[in-house]
């Protein structure tokens, strides 16, 4: 997912520069920061997968 965010951020940044639509620069920086610092699932670890198996007998 980090690679997807990085690719999207670079695409938005390049597109913003090419078309001179500077409104997309903050959005691309947001996705770039998410990719670099691995943010995006909230502060409580909502993206974590519970690998512990429970037995119901």
N, C-alpha and C. Protein backbone atom coordinates (compact mmCIF):
# COMPACT_ATOMS: atom_id res chain seq x y z
N UNK A 1 0.82 -1.19 0.00
CA UNK A 1 0.00 0.00 0.00
C UNK A 1 0.87 1.26 0.00
N UNK A 2 2.04 1.16 0.63
CA UNK A 2 2.93 2.32 0.65
C UNK A 2 3.41 2.66 -0.76
N UNK A 3 3.65 1.66 -1.56
CA UNK A 3 4.11 1.89 -2.93
C UNK A 3 3.01 2.54 -3.76
N UNK A 4 1.78 2.12 -3.54
CA UNK A 4 0.65 2.72 -4.26
C UNK A 4 0.51 4.19 -3.87
N UNK A 5 0.62 4.49 -2.58
CA UNK A 5 0.53 5.88 -2.14
C UNK A 5 1.67 6.72 -2.71
N UNK A 6 2.87 6.15 -2.73
CA UNK A 6 4.02 6.86 -3.28
C UNK A 6 3.84 7.12 -4.76
N UNK A 7 3.40 6.13 -5.50
CA UNK A 7 3.18 6.30 -6.94
C UNK A 7 2.10 7.34 -7.21
N UNK A 8 1.02 7.31 -6.43
CA UNK A 8 -0.06 8.27 -6.61
C UNK A 8 0.41 9.69 -6.28
N UNK A 9 1.21 9.81 -5.23
CA UNK A 9 1.73 11.12 -4.84
C UNK A 9 2.64 11.69 -5.92
N UNK A 10 3.51 10.87 -6.46
CA UNK A 10 4.41 11.34 -7.51
C UNK A 10 3.65 11.68 -8.78
N UNK A 11 2.62 10.89 -9.10
CA UNK A 11 1.79 11.18 -10.26
C UNK A 11 1.07 12.52 -10.09
N UNK A 12 0.47 12.73 -8.91
CA UNK A 12 -0.23 14.00 -8.66
C UNK A 12 0.72 15.19 -8.70
N UNK A 13 1.89 15.02 -8.14
CA UNK A 13 2.87 16.11 -8.13
C UNK A 13 3.33 16.45 -9.55
N UNK A 14 3.62 15.44 -10.33
CA UNK A 14 4.05 15.67 -11.71
C UNK A 14 2.93 16.29 -12.53
N UNK A 15 1.72 15.80 -12.32
CA UNK A 15 0.58 16.33 -13.06
C UNK A 15 0.28 17.78 -12.65
N UNK A 16 0.42 18.08 -11.38
CA UNK A 16 0.20 19.45 -10.91
C UNK A 16 1.23 20.39 -11.51
N UNK A 17 2.46 19.96 -11.60
CA UNK A 17 3.51 20.79 -12.19
C UNK A 17 3.29 20.99 -13.69
N UNK A 18 2.92 19.90 -14.35
CA UNK A 18 2.75 19.95 -15.80
C UNK A 18 1.56 20.82 -16.22
N UNK A 19 0.46 20.73 -15.49
CA UNK A 19 -0.74 21.48 -15.86
C UNK A 19 -0.86 22.81 -15.12
N UNK A 20 0.08 23.08 -14.21
CA UNK A 20 0.09 24.32 -13.42
C UNK A 20 -1.16 24.48 -12.57
N UNK A 21 -1.67 23.36 -12.07
CA UNK A 21 -2.81 23.38 -11.15
C UNK A 21 -2.26 23.09 -9.76
N UNK A 22 -1.89 24.14 -9.08
CA UNK A 22 -1.17 24.02 -7.82
C UNK A 22 -2.04 23.55 -6.67
N UNK A 23 -3.32 23.43 -6.88
CA UNK A 23 -4.22 22.96 -5.82
C UNK A 23 -3.94 21.49 -5.48
N UNK A 24 -3.34 20.76 -6.42
CA UNK A 24 -3.07 19.34 -6.20
C UNK A 24 -1.77 19.08 -5.45
N UNK A 25 -0.95 20.09 -5.26
CA UNK A 25 0.32 19.92 -4.55
C UNK A 25 0.11 19.51 -3.09
N UNK A 26 -0.78 20.16 -2.32
CA UNK A 26 -0.99 19.70 -0.94
C UNK A 26 -1.53 18.27 -0.86
N UNK A 27 -2.38 17.92 -1.80
CA UNK A 27 -2.92 16.56 -1.81
C UNK A 27 -1.81 15.55 -2.10
N UNK A 28 -0.92 15.88 -3.03
CA UNK A 28 0.18 14.97 -3.32
C UNK A 28 1.15 14.89 -2.15
N UNK A 29 1.37 15.99 -1.44
CA UNK A 29 2.24 15.96 -0.26
C UNK A 29 1.62 15.12 0.85
N UNK A 30 0.30 15.16 0.96
CA UNK A 30 -0.39 14.33 1.95
C UNK A 30 -0.14 12.84 1.67
N UNK A 31 -0.30 12.42 0.42
CA UNK A 31 -0.05 11.02 0.08
C UNK A 31 1.43 10.67 0.18
N UNK A 32 2.30 11.62 -0.11
CA UNK A 32 3.74 11.38 0.02
C UNK A 32 4.12 11.15 1.48
N UNK A 33 3.58 11.97 2.37
CA UNK A 33 3.87 11.79 3.81
C UNK A 33 3.29 10.47 4.32
N UNK A 34 2.13 10.08 3.82
CA UNK A 34 1.58 8.79 4.22
C UNK A 34 2.49 7.65 3.79
N UNK A 35 3.04 7.74 2.60
CA UNK A 35 3.92 6.68 2.10
C UNK A 35 5.24 6.63 2.86
N UNK A 36 5.80 7.79 3.14
CA UNK A 36 7.12 7.84 3.80
C UNK A 36 7.02 7.39 5.25
N UNK A 37 6.01 7.88 5.98
CA UNK A 37 5.92 7.59 7.40
C UNK A 37 4.96 6.46 7.74
N UNK A 38 4.37 5.82 6.72
CA UNK A 38 3.45 4.70 6.88
C UNK A 38 2.26 5.07 7.77
N UNK A 39 1.68 6.22 7.49
CA UNK A 39 0.47 6.66 8.18
C UNK A 39 -0.74 6.21 7.39
N UNK A 40 -1.90 6.21 8.02
CA UNK A 40 -3.11 6.00 7.25
C UNK A 40 -4.13 5.08 7.87
N UNK A 41 -3.81 4.45 8.96
CA UNK A 41 -4.76 3.52 9.57
C UNK A 41 -5.23 4.00 10.93
N UNK A 42 -4.98 5.21 11.25
CA UNK A 42 -5.39 5.71 12.55
C UNK A 42 -4.34 5.45 13.60
N UNK A 43 -4.50 6.08 14.71
CA UNK A 43 -3.50 5.97 15.77
C UNK A 43 -3.68 4.72 16.63
N UNK A 44 -4.76 3.98 16.45
CA UNK A 44 -5.05 2.83 17.30
C UNK A 44 -4.74 1.51 16.63
N UNK A 45 -4.06 1.53 15.51
CA UNK A 45 -3.69 0.28 14.85
C UNK A 45 -4.86 -0.43 14.21
N UNK A 46 -5.74 0.30 13.57
CA UNK A 46 -6.94 -0.29 12.99
C UNK A 46 -6.65 -1.17 11.79
N UNK A 47 -5.47 -1.10 11.23
CA UNK A 47 -5.13 -1.92 10.08
C UNK A 47 -4.50 -3.26 10.49
N UNK A 48 -4.23 -3.43 11.75
CA UNK A 48 -3.59 -4.66 12.20
C UNK A 48 -4.54 -5.85 12.03
N UNK A 49 -3.96 -6.96 11.67
CA UNK A 49 -4.72 -8.18 11.49
C UNK A 49 -4.52 -9.05 12.72
N UNK A 50 -5.61 -9.53 13.28
CA UNK A 50 -5.55 -10.38 14.45
C UNK A 50 -5.20 -11.80 14.00
N UNK A 51 -3.99 -12.23 14.32
CA UNK A 51 -3.53 -13.55 13.89
C UNK A 51 -3.74 -14.62 14.96
N UNK A 52 -4.19 -14.22 16.13
CA UNK A 52 -4.40 -15.16 17.22
C UNK A 52 -5.67 -15.96 16.95
N UNK A 53 -5.52 -17.28 16.96
CA UNK A 53 -6.69 -18.14 16.72
C UNK A 53 -7.32 -18.48 18.06
N UNK A 54 -8.61 -18.42 18.07
CA UNK A 54 -9.34 -18.75 19.29
C UNK A 54 -10.02 -20.10 19.12
N UNK A 55 -10.04 -20.85 20.20
CA UNK A 55 -10.71 -22.16 20.18
C UNK A 55 -12.06 -22.04 20.86
N UNK A 56 -13.05 -22.53 20.20
CA UNK A 56 -14.38 -22.59 20.79
C UNK A 56 -14.75 -24.07 20.94
N UNK A 57 -14.81 -24.51 22.16
CA UNK A 57 -15.13 -25.92 22.40
C UNK A 57 -16.48 -26.09 23.02
